[in-house]
Amino acid sequence: MTSLSFHEKSAWGTLISLWIIGASYFRSVWEMWQAGQLHPQSNFGLAIGLVVALVIILAAYHILIAVTARREVEDERDRLIAWRAGNLGGLILSIGVVGIVFQILVGGMFGDPVAGSPVLIANALMAVVFIATSVELVLTLVFYRRGV
């Protein structure tokens, strides 16, 4: 990983950390839901705990790569990659949020109990953010490898 730029190392570390923490979070949510224990209080505690863990891991990782990296200047290529990946990630996020709103409205019209569950809606939104962020990070890595 020594030939990678700071931005590439950052994207790799963030992506791996996000997948590990995200997989742990959604596995726990699934198990709580299957056991009938998915309540706002338990879900909130789980979410806060894993967000704090993600922040600590990413802060430590970024400090480590910043200390060991050579001095770099952000150029047009870096900004273009961030812009393109961010736009596509934002598009995925928008589509996901609109899809969830549509599901709430349509499900509500037909009396679907899932459509009115705040905990399930919150977790669906968390999943959309997870997917959109993963797409943005993967695209960032692809664009760096391809040269934009």
Protein backbone atom coordinates (compact mmCIF):
# COMPACT_ATOMS: atom_id res chain seq x y z
CA MET A 1 0.00 0.00 0.00
CA THR A 2 3.01 2.29 0.00
CA SER A 3 2.48 3.41 -3.60
CA LEU A 4 -1.09 4.50 -2.91
CA SER A 5 -1.92 8.14 -2.33
CA PHE A 6 -3.33 9.37 0.97
CA HIS A 7 -6.82 9.57 -0.59
CA GLU A 8 -6.63 5.96 -1.81
CA LYS A 9 -5.42 4.71 1.56
CA SER A 10 -8.19 6.69 3.21
CA ALA A 11 -10.82 5.20 0.91
CA TRP A 12 -9.55 1.64 1.48
CA GLY A 13 -9.49 2.03 5.26
CA THR A 14 -12.88 3.68 5.36
CA LEU A 15 -14.43 1.07 3.08
CA ILE A 16 -13.07 -1.89 5.04
CA SER A 17 -14.04 -0.34 8.38
CA LEU A 18 -17.48 0.55 7.09
CA TRP A 19 -18.09 -2.99 5.81
CA ILE A 20 -16.95 -4.60 9.07
CA ILE A 21 -18.96 -2.24 11.31
CA GLY A 22 -21.92 -2.22 8.90
CA ALA A 23 -22.02 -6.01 8.68
CA SER A 24 -21.91 -6.23 12.46
CA TYR A 25 -24.67 -3.63 12.81
CA PHE A 26 -27.05 -5.16 10.26
CA ARG A 27 -26.42 -8.70 11.51
CA SER A 28 -27.32 -7.56 15.04
CA VAL A 29 -30.41 -5.71 13.80
CA TRP A 30 -31.52 -8.79 11.84
CA GLU A 31 -31.08 -11.03 14.89
CA MET A 32 -32.99 -8.58 17.12
CA TRP A 33 -35.79 -8.36 14.54
CA GLN A 34 -36.04 -12.15 14.23
CA ALA A 35 -36.18 -12.46 18.04
CA GLY A 36 -38.88 -9.76 18.28
CA GLN A 37 -36.51 -7.51 20.24
CA LEU A 38 -36.06 -4.70 17.73
CA HIS A 39 -37.18 -1.71 19.78
CA PRO A 40 -36.12 1.95 19.50
CA GLN A 41 -34.09 1.83 22.71
CA SER A 42 -32.08 -1.27 21.81
CA ASN A 43 -31.59 -0.12 18.22
CA PHE A 44 -30.48 3.36 19.33
CA GLY A 45 -27.90 1.93 21.73
CA LEU A 46 -26.54 -0.41 19.07
CA ALA A 47 -26.34 2.37 16.48
CA ILE A 48 -24.59 4.80 18.83
CA GLY A 49 -22.11 2.16 19.96
CA LEU A 50 -21.15 1.19 16.44
CA VAL A 51 -20.95 4.80 15.22
CA VAL A 52 -18.59 5.61 18.10
CA ALA A 53 -16.51 2.52 17.23
CA LEU A 54 -16.37 3.58 13.56
CA VAL A 55 -15.29 7.12 14.47
CA ILE A 56 -12.53 5.86 16.77
CA ILE A 57 -11.26 3.34 14.20
CA LEU A 58 -11.27 5.87 11.36
CA ALA A 59 -9.65 8.61 13.46
CA ALA A 60 -6.84 6.27 14.51
CA TYR A 61 -6.40 4.98 10.95
CA HIS A 62 -6.28 8.45 9.41
CA ILE A 63 -3.80 9.65 12.02
CA LEU A 64 -1.62 6.64 11.21
CA ILE A 65 -1.66 7.19 7.45
CA ALA A 66 -1.20 10.96 7.85
CA VAL A 67 1.88 10.48 10.03
CA THR A 68 3.44 7.89 7.71
CA ALA A 69 2.52 9.55 4.39
CA ARG A 70 4.69 11.87 2.40
CA ARG A 71 3.45 15.41 1.85
CA GLU A 72 0.89 15.54 -0.98
CA VAL A 73 -0.91 18.39 -2.64
CA GLU A 74 -4.50 17.84 -3.72
CA ASP A 75 -4.71 18.40 -7.46
CA GLU A 76 -7.44 18.55 -10.10
CA ARG A 77 -7.48 14.78 -10.46
CA ASP A 78 -8.21 14.32 -6.75
CA ARG A 79 -11.02 16.88 -6.87
CA LEU A 80 -12.49 15.36 -10.06
CA ILE A 81 -12.46 11.86 -8.56
CA ALA A 82 -14.10 13.08 -5.34
CA TRP A 83 -16.71 15.00 -7.35
CA ARG A 84 -17.59 12.10 -9.68
CA ALA A 85 -17.70 9.47 -6.94
CA GLY A 86 -19.65 11.82 -4.67
CA ASN A 87 -22.20 12.61 -7.36
CA LEU A 88 -22.86 8.96 -8.12
CA GLY A 89 -22.99 8.08 -4.42
CA GLY A 90 -25.43 10.95 -3.91
CA LEU A 91 -27.58 9.66 -6.75
CA ILE A 92 -27.76 6.23 -5.10
CA LEU A 93 -28.65 7.89 -1.79
CA SER A 94 -31.41 9.95 -3.43
CA ILE A 95 -32.91 6.95 -5.21
CA GLY A 96 -32.84 4.94 -1.99
CA VAL A 97 -34.52 7.65 0.09
CA VAL A 98 -37.21 8.19 -2.53
CA GLY A 99 -37.75 4.42 -2.65
CA ILE A 100 -38.21 4.28 1.11
CA VAL A 101 -40.64 7.20 1.07
CA PHE A 102 -42.54 5.51 -1.75
CA GLN A 103 -42.67 2.26 0.24
CA ILE A 104 -43.98 4.13 3.30
CA LEU A 105 -46.70 5.84 1.28
CA VAL A 106 -47.78 2.78 -0.72
CA GLY A 107 -47.47 0.47 2.28
CA GLY A 108 -49.51 2.90 4.36
CA MET A 109 -52.29 2.91 1.78
CA PHE A 110 -52.55 -0.88 1.99
CA GLY A 111 -52.19 -1.14 5.78
CA ASP A 112 -48.71 -2.66 5.77
CA PRO A 113 -47.45 -2.58 9.39
CA VAL A 114 -43.82 -2.39 8.24
CA ALA A 115 -44.55 0.91 6.49
CA GLY A 116 -45.33 2.58 9.79
CA SER A 117 -42.54 1.09 11.90
CA PRO A 118 -40.10 3.88 12.83
CA VAL A 119 -37.37 1.39 13.73
CA LEU A 120 -37.59 -0.42 10.40
CA ILE A 121 -37.73 2.86 8.50
CA ALA A 122 -34.65 4.11 10.39
CA ASN A 123 -32.78 0.90 9.58
CA ALA A 124 -33.82 1.09 5.93
CA LEU A 125 -32.41 4.62 5.82
CA MET A 126 -29.22 3.39 7.52
CA ALA A 127 -28.94 0.68 4.86
CA VAL A 128 -29.33 3.25 2.08
CA VAL A 129 -26.61 5.45 3.60
CA PHE A 130 -24.37 2.37 3.98
CA ILE A 131 -24.90 1.35 0.35
CA ALA A 132 -24.44 4.88 -1.03
CA THR A 133 -21.25 5.42 0.97
CA SER A 134 -19.90 2.03 -0.12
CA VAL A 135 -20.62 2.86 -3.76
CA GLU A 136 -18.89 6.23 -3.41
CA LEU A 137 -15.80 4.65 -1.84
CA VAL A 138 -15.61 1.82 -4.39
CA LEU A 139 -15.96 4.32 -7.23
CA THR A 140 -13.24 6.48 -5.68
CA LEU A 141 -10.90 3.50 -5.73
CA VAL A 142 -11.90 2.53 -9.27
CA PHE A 143 -11.38 6.08 -10.53
CA TYR A 144 -7.92 6.28 -8.91
CA ARG A 145 -6.91 2.95 -10.47
CA ARG A 146 -8.34 3.93 -13.88
CA GLY A 147 -6.88 7.40 -13.76
CA VAL A 148 -10.37 9.00 -13.68
